[in-house]
Amino acid sequence: MKMVRLCFQIGLIVLCLTALGCGTASRQAINVNPGMNREQVANLLGTPGDRQFHGLDEAWQYFDLGMFADKYTVVWFYDGRVTGMTSYTGTNETLTGTFREVRWEDRPTVSVEWRNR
């Protein structure tokens, strides 16, 4: 009986610590703003788990382990500046720690204006 109680307490402690440590990137993502540069994003969210490029477009992906579903945050850059963010979730059984291929059609639309002086 004492062993069952001890295992339950240890499990509860592990569960609480896991809940506190999860969601770091997704919690900090609220502080990312359009126009920020790569260094500013890295200072907020850390090193991305995945980087993909498509011309001047770049996508950084972050992963947060969840209890029932994992959360993935994608920060979109154009020419080194943030243009937007998207997120997706995956079940622990199918996606744990792996990133999907970036769908470039999901990136934010960017208008670039060139002016002659």
N, C-alpha and C. Protein backbone atom coordinates (compact mmCIF):
# COMPACT_ATOMS: atom_id res chain seq x y z
N MET A 1 0.81 -1.19 0.00
CA MET A 1 0.00 0.00 0.00
C MET A 1 0.86 1.27 0.00
N LYS A 2 1.94 1.23 0.80
CA LYS A 2 2.84 2.38 0.85
C LYS A 2 3.52 2.59 -0.50
N MET A 3 3.83 1.49 -1.18
CA MET A 3 4.49 1.58 -2.48
C MET A 3 3.56 2.21 -3.51
N VAL A 4 2.29 1.85 -3.49
CA VAL A 4 1.31 2.42 -4.41
C VAL A 4 1.17 3.92 -4.17
N ARG A 5 1.12 4.30 -2.91
CA ARG A 5 1.00 5.72 -2.56
C ARG A 5 2.24 6.49 -3.01
N LEU A 6 3.42 5.92 -2.81
CA LEU A 6 4.66 6.56 -3.23
C LEU A 6 4.70 6.72 -4.75
N CYS A 7 4.30 5.69 -5.48
CA CYS A 7 4.27 5.77 -6.95
C CYS A 7 3.28 6.83 -7.42
N PHE A 8 2.14 6.92 -6.75
CA PHE A 8 1.15 7.94 -7.09
C PHE A 8 1.71 9.34 -6.87
N GLN A 9 2.38 9.55 -5.76
CA GLN A 9 2.97 10.86 -5.45
C GLN A 9 4.06 11.23 -6.45
N ILE A 10 4.89 10.29 -6.78
CA ILE A 10 5.95 10.55 -7.77
C ILE A 10 5.33 10.88 -9.12
N GLY A 11 4.31 10.12 -9.51
CA GLY A 11 3.62 10.40 -10.77
C GLY A 11 2.99 11.78 -10.78
N LEU A 12 2.41 12.18 -9.68
CA LEU A 12 1.79 13.51 -9.57
C LEU A 12 2.84 14.62 -9.67
N ILE A 13 3.97 14.43 -9.05
CA ILE A 13 5.06 15.42 -9.12
C ILE A 13 5.57 15.53 -10.55
N VAL A 14 5.78 14.41 -11.21
CA VAL A 14 6.24 14.43 -12.60
C VAL A 14 5.23 15.12 -13.49
N LEU A 15 3.96 14.85 -13.29
CA LEU A 15 2.90 15.48 -14.07
C LEU A 15 2.91 17.00 -13.89
N CYS A 16 3.05 17.45 -12.66
CA CYS A 16 3.08 18.90 -12.39
C CYS A 16 4.30 19.56 -13.02
N LEU A 17 5.46 18.92 -12.90
CA LEU A 17 6.67 19.49 -13.50
C LEU A 17 6.57 19.53 -15.01
N THR A 18 5.97 18.52 -15.60
CA THR A 18 5.79 18.48 -17.05
C THR A 18 4.87 19.61 -17.49
N ALA A 19 3.80 19.83 -16.77
CA ALA A 19 2.85 20.89 -17.12
C ALA A 19 3.49 22.27 -17.02
N LEU A 20 4.37 22.46 -16.04
CA LEU A 20 5.04 23.76 -15.90
C LEU A 20 6.05 23.99 -17.01
N GLY A 21 6.71 22.94 -17.47
CA GLY A 21 7.75 23.09 -18.48
C GLY A 21 7.23 23.15 -19.90
N CYS A 22 6.00 22.76 -20.13
CA CYS A 22 5.46 22.69 -21.48
C CYS A 22 4.96 24.04 -21.95
N GLY A 23 4.99 24.23 -23.24
CA GLY A 23 4.39 25.43 -23.81
C GLY A 23 5.27 26.65 -23.77
N THR A 24 6.56 26.49 -23.61
CA THR A 24 7.45 27.64 -23.51
C THR A 24 7.40 28.51 -24.76
N ALA A 25 7.58 27.91 -25.92
CA ALA A 25 7.57 28.70 -27.16
C ALA A 25 6.19 29.28 -27.43
N SER A 26 5.14 28.50 -27.20
CA SER A 26 3.81 29.01 -27.49
C SER A 26 3.41 30.13 -26.54
N ARG A 27 3.90 30.09 -25.30
CA ARG A 27 3.61 31.19 -24.36
C ARG A 27 4.36 32.46 -24.75
N GLN A 28 5.59 32.32 -25.20
CA GLN A 28 6.39 33.48 -25.58
C GLN A 28 6.03 34.02 -26.96
N ALA A 29 5.37 33.20 -27.78
CA ALA A 29 5.03 33.61 -29.15
C ALA A 29 4.15 34.85 -29.18
N ILE A 30 3.41 35.10 -28.11
CA ILE A 30 2.55 36.29 -28.07
C ILE A 30 3.37 37.58 -28.14
N ASN A 31 4.65 37.50 -27.80
CA ASN A 31 5.52 38.66 -27.82
C ASN A 31 6.20 38.90 -29.18
N VAL A 32 5.98 38.00 -30.13
CA VAL A 32 6.55 38.17 -31.48
C VAL A 32 5.66 39.11 -32.27
N ASN A 33 6.27 40.09 -32.91
CA ASN A 33 5.53 41.10 -33.68
C ASN A 33 6.03 41.17 -35.11
N PRO A 34 5.15 41.56 -36.03
CA PRO A 34 5.59 41.74 -37.42
C PRO A 34 6.73 42.74 -37.49
N GLY A 35 7.68 42.42 -38.35
CA GLY A 35 8.82 43.32 -38.55
C GLY A 35 10.03 42.98 -37.69
N MET A 36 9.86 42.10 -36.69
CA MET A 36 11.00 41.71 -35.86
C MET A 36 12.00 40.96 -36.73
N ASN A 37 13.28 41.05 -36.37
CA ASN A 37 14.30 40.32 -37.12
C ASN A 37 14.57 38.95 -36.48
N ARG A 38 15.40 38.16 -37.13
CA ARG A 38 15.67 36.80 -36.67
C ARG A 38 16.26 36.77 -35.26
N GLU A 39 17.18 37.69 -34.99
CA GLU A 39 17.84 37.73 -33.68
C GLU A 39 16.83 38.00 -32.56
N GLN A 40 15.91 38.91 -32.80
CA GLN A 40 14.89 39.22 -31.79
C GLN A 40 14.00 38.01 -31.52
N VAL A 41 13.62 37.30 -32.57
CA VAL A 41 12.79 36.10 -32.40
C VAL A 41 13.57 35.02 -31.66
N ALA A 42 14.82 34.83 -32.02
CA ALA A 42 15.64 33.81 -31.35
C ALA A 42 15.82 34.14 -29.87
N ASN A 43 15.93 35.41 -29.55
CA ASN A 43 16.05 35.80 -28.13
C ASN A 43 14.78 35.49 -27.36
N LEU A 44 13.62 35.60 -28.01
CA LEU A 44 12.35 35.30 -27.35
C LEU A 44 12.04 33.81 -27.28
N LEU A 45 12.20 33.13 -28.40
CA LEU A 45 11.74 31.74 -28.51
C LEU A 45 12.85 30.71 -28.47
N GLY A 46 14.09 31.15 -28.61
CA GLY A 46 15.21 30.22 -28.64
C GLY A 46 15.49 29.75 -30.06
N THR A 47 16.36 28.80 -30.17
CA THR A 47 16.73 28.23 -31.47
C THR A 47 15.57 27.39 -31.99
N PRO A 48 15.18 27.60 -33.25
CA PRO A 48 14.07 26.80 -33.79
C PRO A 48 14.46 25.33 -33.92
N GLY A 49 13.47 24.48 -33.82
CA GLY A 49 13.70 23.05 -34.00
C GLY A 49 13.82 22.68 -35.46
N ASP A 50 13.33 23.55 -36.34
CA ASP A 50 13.34 23.28 -37.77
C ASP A 50 13.35 24.61 -38.51
N ARG A 51 14.14 24.70 -39.59
CA ARG A 51 14.17 25.88 -40.45
C ARG A 51 14.02 25.41 -41.89
N GLN A 52 13.16 26.09 -42.63
CA GLN A 52 12.98 25.78 -44.04
C GLN A 52 12.98 27.07 -44.83
N PHE A 53 13.48 27.00 -46.07
CA PHE A 53 13.63 28.17 -46.92
C PHE A 53 12.91 27.98 -48.24
N HIS A 54 12.47 29.09 -48.79
CA HIS A 54 11.83 29.11 -50.10
C HIS A 54 12.07 30.51 -50.68
N GLY A 55 13.16 30.68 -51.42
CA GLY A 55 13.53 32.02 -51.90
C GLY A 55 13.88 32.91 -50.73
N LEU A 56 13.26 34.09 -50.66
CA LEU A 56 13.47 35.01 -49.54
C LEU A 56 12.57 34.69 -48.36
N ASP A 57 11.67 33.71 -48.53
CA ASP A 57 10.81 33.29 -47.43
C ASP A 57 11.55 32.27 -46.56
N GLU A 58 11.27 32.33 -45.27
CA GLU A 58 11.88 31.42 -44.32
C GLU A 58 10.83 31.07 -43.26
N ALA A 59 10.84 29.83 -42.81
CA ALA A 59 9.90 29.40 -41.77
C ALA A 59 10.69 28.73 -40.65
N TRP A 60 10.46 29.19 -39.43
CA TRP A 60 11.05 28.58 -38.24
C TRP A 60 9.94 27.85 -37.51
N GLN A 61 10.20 26.60 -37.13
CA GLN A 61 9.20 25.84 -36.41
C GLN A 61 9.69 25.52 -34.99
N TYR A 62 8.76 25.66 -34.05
CA TYR A 62 9.02 25.35 -32.65
C TYR A 62 8.04 24.28 -32.20
N PHE A 63 8.45 23.50 -31.22
CA PHE A 63 7.67 22.36 -30.73
C PHE A 63 7.48 22.48 -29.23
N ASP A 64 6.25 22.32 -28.77
CA ASP A 64 5.94 22.26 -27.34
C ASP A 64 5.20 20.97 -27.06
N LEU A 65 5.76 20.17 -26.18
CA LEU A 65 5.14 18.91 -25.81
C LEU A 65 3.90 19.18 -24.96
N GLY A 66 2.81 18.56 -25.34
CA GLY A 66 1.57 18.71 -24.58
C GLY A 66 1.17 17.39 -23.95
N MET A 67 0.25 17.46 -23.02
CA MET A 67 -0.19 16.24 -22.34
C MET A 67 -1.01 15.36 -23.29
N PHE A 68 -1.90 15.98 -24.07
CA PHE A 68 -2.76 15.22 -24.97
C PHE A 68 -2.46 15.49 -26.44
N ALA A 69 -1.91 16.66 -26.72
CA ALA A 69 -1.54 17.01 -28.10
C ALA A 69 -0.32 17.91 -28.05
N ASP A 70 0.55 17.78 -29.03
CA ASP A 70 1.73 18.62 -29.12
C ASP A 70 1.40 19.86 -29.93
N LYS A 71 2.00 21.00 -29.58
CA LYS A 71 1.73 22.23 -30.30
C LYS A 71 2.97 22.66 -31.06
N TYR A 72 2.75 23.02 -32.30
CA TYR A 72 3.82 23.47 -33.18
C TYR A 72 3.53 24.92 -33.57
N THR A 73 4.54 25.77 -33.46
CA THR A 73 4.41 27.17 -33.84
C THR A 73 5.34 27.43 -35.01
N VAL A 74 4.83 28.07 -36.05
CA VAL A 74 5.63 28.42 -37.22
C VAL A 74 5.73 29.94 -37.28
N VAL A 75 6.95 30.45 -37.29
CA VAL A 75 7.19 31.88 -37.45
C VAL A 75 7.66 32.08 -38.88
N TRP A 76 6.95 32.95 -39.60
CA TRP A 76 7.23 33.20 -41.02
C TRP A 76 8.05 34.48 -41.17
N PHE A 77 9.09 34.41 -41.98
CA PHE A 77 9.94 35.57 -42.27
C PHE A 77 9.94 35.82 -43.78
N TYR A 78 10.07 37.08 -44.14
CA TYR A 78 10.36 37.43 -45.52
C TYR A 78 11.53 38.40 -45.47
N ASP A 79 12.60 38.06 -46.16
CA ASP A 79 13.80 38.89 -46.21
C ASP A 79 14.30 39.23 -44.80
N GLY A 80 14.22 38.24 -43.90
CA GLY A 80 14.76 38.39 -42.55
C GLY A 80 13.86 39.06 -41.54
N ARG A 81 12.63 39.39 -41.93
CA ARG A 81 11.69 40.05 -41.02
C ARG A 81 10.42 39.22 -40.85
N VAL A 82 9.88 39.22 -39.64
CA VAL A 82 8.66 38.46 -39.34
C VAL A 82 7.48 39.02 -40.13
N THR A 83 6.75 38.14 -40.79
CA THR A 83 5.53 38.54 -41.49
C THR A 83 4.29 37.95 -40.84
N GLY A 84 4.46 36.93 -39.99
CA GLY A 84 3.31 36.35 -39.32
C GLY A 84 3.67 35.04 -38.63
N MET A 85 2.67 34.45 -37.99
CA MET A 85 2.83 33.16 -37.32
C MET A 85 1.60 32.30 -37.56
N THR A 86 1.82 31.00 -37.58
CA THR A 86 0.73 30.04 -37.62
C THR A 86 1.06 28.93 -36.63
N SER A 87 0.09 28.11 -36.31
CA SER A 87 0.35 26.99 -35.42
C SER A 87 -0.49 25.80 -35.86
N TYR A 88 -0.07 24.64 -35.43
CA TYR A 88 -0.83 23.42 -35.66
C TYR A 88 -0.58 22.47 -34.50
N THR A 89 -1.45 21.52 -34.32
CA THR A 89 -1.29 20.54 -33.25
C THR A 89 -1.17 19.15 -33.86
N GLY A 90 -0.57 18.28 -33.11
CA GLY A 90 -0.45 16.89 -33.51
C GLY A 90 -0.61 16.01 -32.30
N THR A 91 -1.08 14.81 -32.50
CA THR A 91 -1.24 13.90 -31.38
C THR A 91 0.11 13.34 -30.99
N ASN A 92 0.25 13.01 -29.74
CA ASN A 92 1.52 12.48 -29.24
C ASN A 92 1.94 11.21 -29.96
N GLU A 93 0.98 10.41 -30.39
CA GLU A 93 1.32 9.15 -31.03
C GLU A 93 1.90 9.32 -32.43
N THR A 94 1.49 10.39 -33.13
CA THR A 94 1.88 10.49 -34.54
C THR A 94 2.98 11.49 -34.82
N LEU A 95 3.11 12.55 -34.04
CA LEU A 95 4.03 13.61 -34.42
C LEU A 95 5.10 13.94 -33.39
N THR A 96 5.15 13.30 -32.27
CA THR A 96 6.01 13.71 -31.17
C THR A 96 7.41 14.07 -31.65
N GLY A 97 7.72 15.35 -31.53
CA GLY A 97 9.05 15.84 -31.82
C GLY A 97 9.41 15.94 -33.29
N THR A 98 8.52 15.60 -34.18
CA THR A 98 8.84 15.69 -35.60
C THR A 98 8.05 16.85 -36.20
N PHE A 99 8.66 17.50 -37.17
CA PHE A 99 8.03 18.64 -37.81
C PHE A 99 7.53 18.23 -39.18
N ARG A 100 6.40 18.78 -39.55
CA ARG A 100 5.89 18.48 -40.89
C ARG A 100 6.56 19.44 -41.89
N GLU A 101 6.49 19.06 -43.12
CA GLU A 101 7.01 19.91 -44.19
C GLU A 101 6.17 21.19 -44.24
N VAL A 102 6.86 22.32 -44.35
CA VAL A 102 6.16 23.60 -44.39
C VAL A 102 5.32 23.69 -45.66
N ARG A 103 4.10 24.14 -45.51
CA ARG A 103 3.22 24.38 -46.66
C ARG A 103 3.35 25.86 -47.01
N TRP A 104 4.09 26.15 -48.04
CA TRP A 104 4.40 27.54 -48.38
C TRP A 104 3.16 28.32 -48.78
N GLU A 105 2.10 27.64 -49.20
CA GLU A 105 0.86 28.34 -49.53
C GLU A 105 0.18 28.88 -48.27
N ASP A 106 0.60 28.42 -47.08
CA ASP A 106 0.04 28.92 -45.81
C ASP A 106 0.72 30.18 -45.30
N ARG A 107 1.82 30.56 -45.93
CA ARG A 107 2.55 31.73 -45.43
C ARG A 107 1.74 33.00 -45.64
N PRO A 108 1.97 33.99 -44.77
CA PRO A 108 1.24 35.26 -44.91
C PRO A 108 1.60 35.95 -46.23
N THR A 109 0.65 36.65 -46.78
CA THR A 109 0.89 37.41 -48.00
C THR A 109 1.71 38.64 -47.66
N VAL A 110 2.73 38.89 -48.44
CA VAL A 110 3.62 40.02 -48.19
C VAL A 110 3.59 40.93 -49.41
N SER A 111 3.45 42.22 -49.15
CA SER A 111 3.57 43.21 -50.21
C SER A 111 4.86 43.96 -50.02
N VAL A 112 5.67 43.98 -51.05
CA VAL A 112 6.94 44.70 -50.99
C VAL A 112 6.82 45.89 -51.93
N GLU A 113 7.14 47.05 -51.40
CA GLU A 113 7.03 48.27 -52.19
C GLU A 113 8.44 48.81 -52.44
N TRP A 114 8.75 49.03 -53.71
CA TRP A 114 10.04 49.61 -54.09
C TRP A 114 9.81 51.03 -54.57
N ARG A 115 10.56 51.95 -54.04
CA ARG A 115 10.42 53.35 -54.45
C ARG A 115 11.74 53.84 -55.04
N ASN A 116 11.61 54.54 -56.15
CA ASN A 116 12.80 55.18 -56.74
C ASN A 116 12.92 56.58 -56.17
N ARG A 117 14.12 56.97 -55.89
CA ARG A 117 14.35 58.34 -55.37
C ARG A 117 14.99 59.19 -56.42
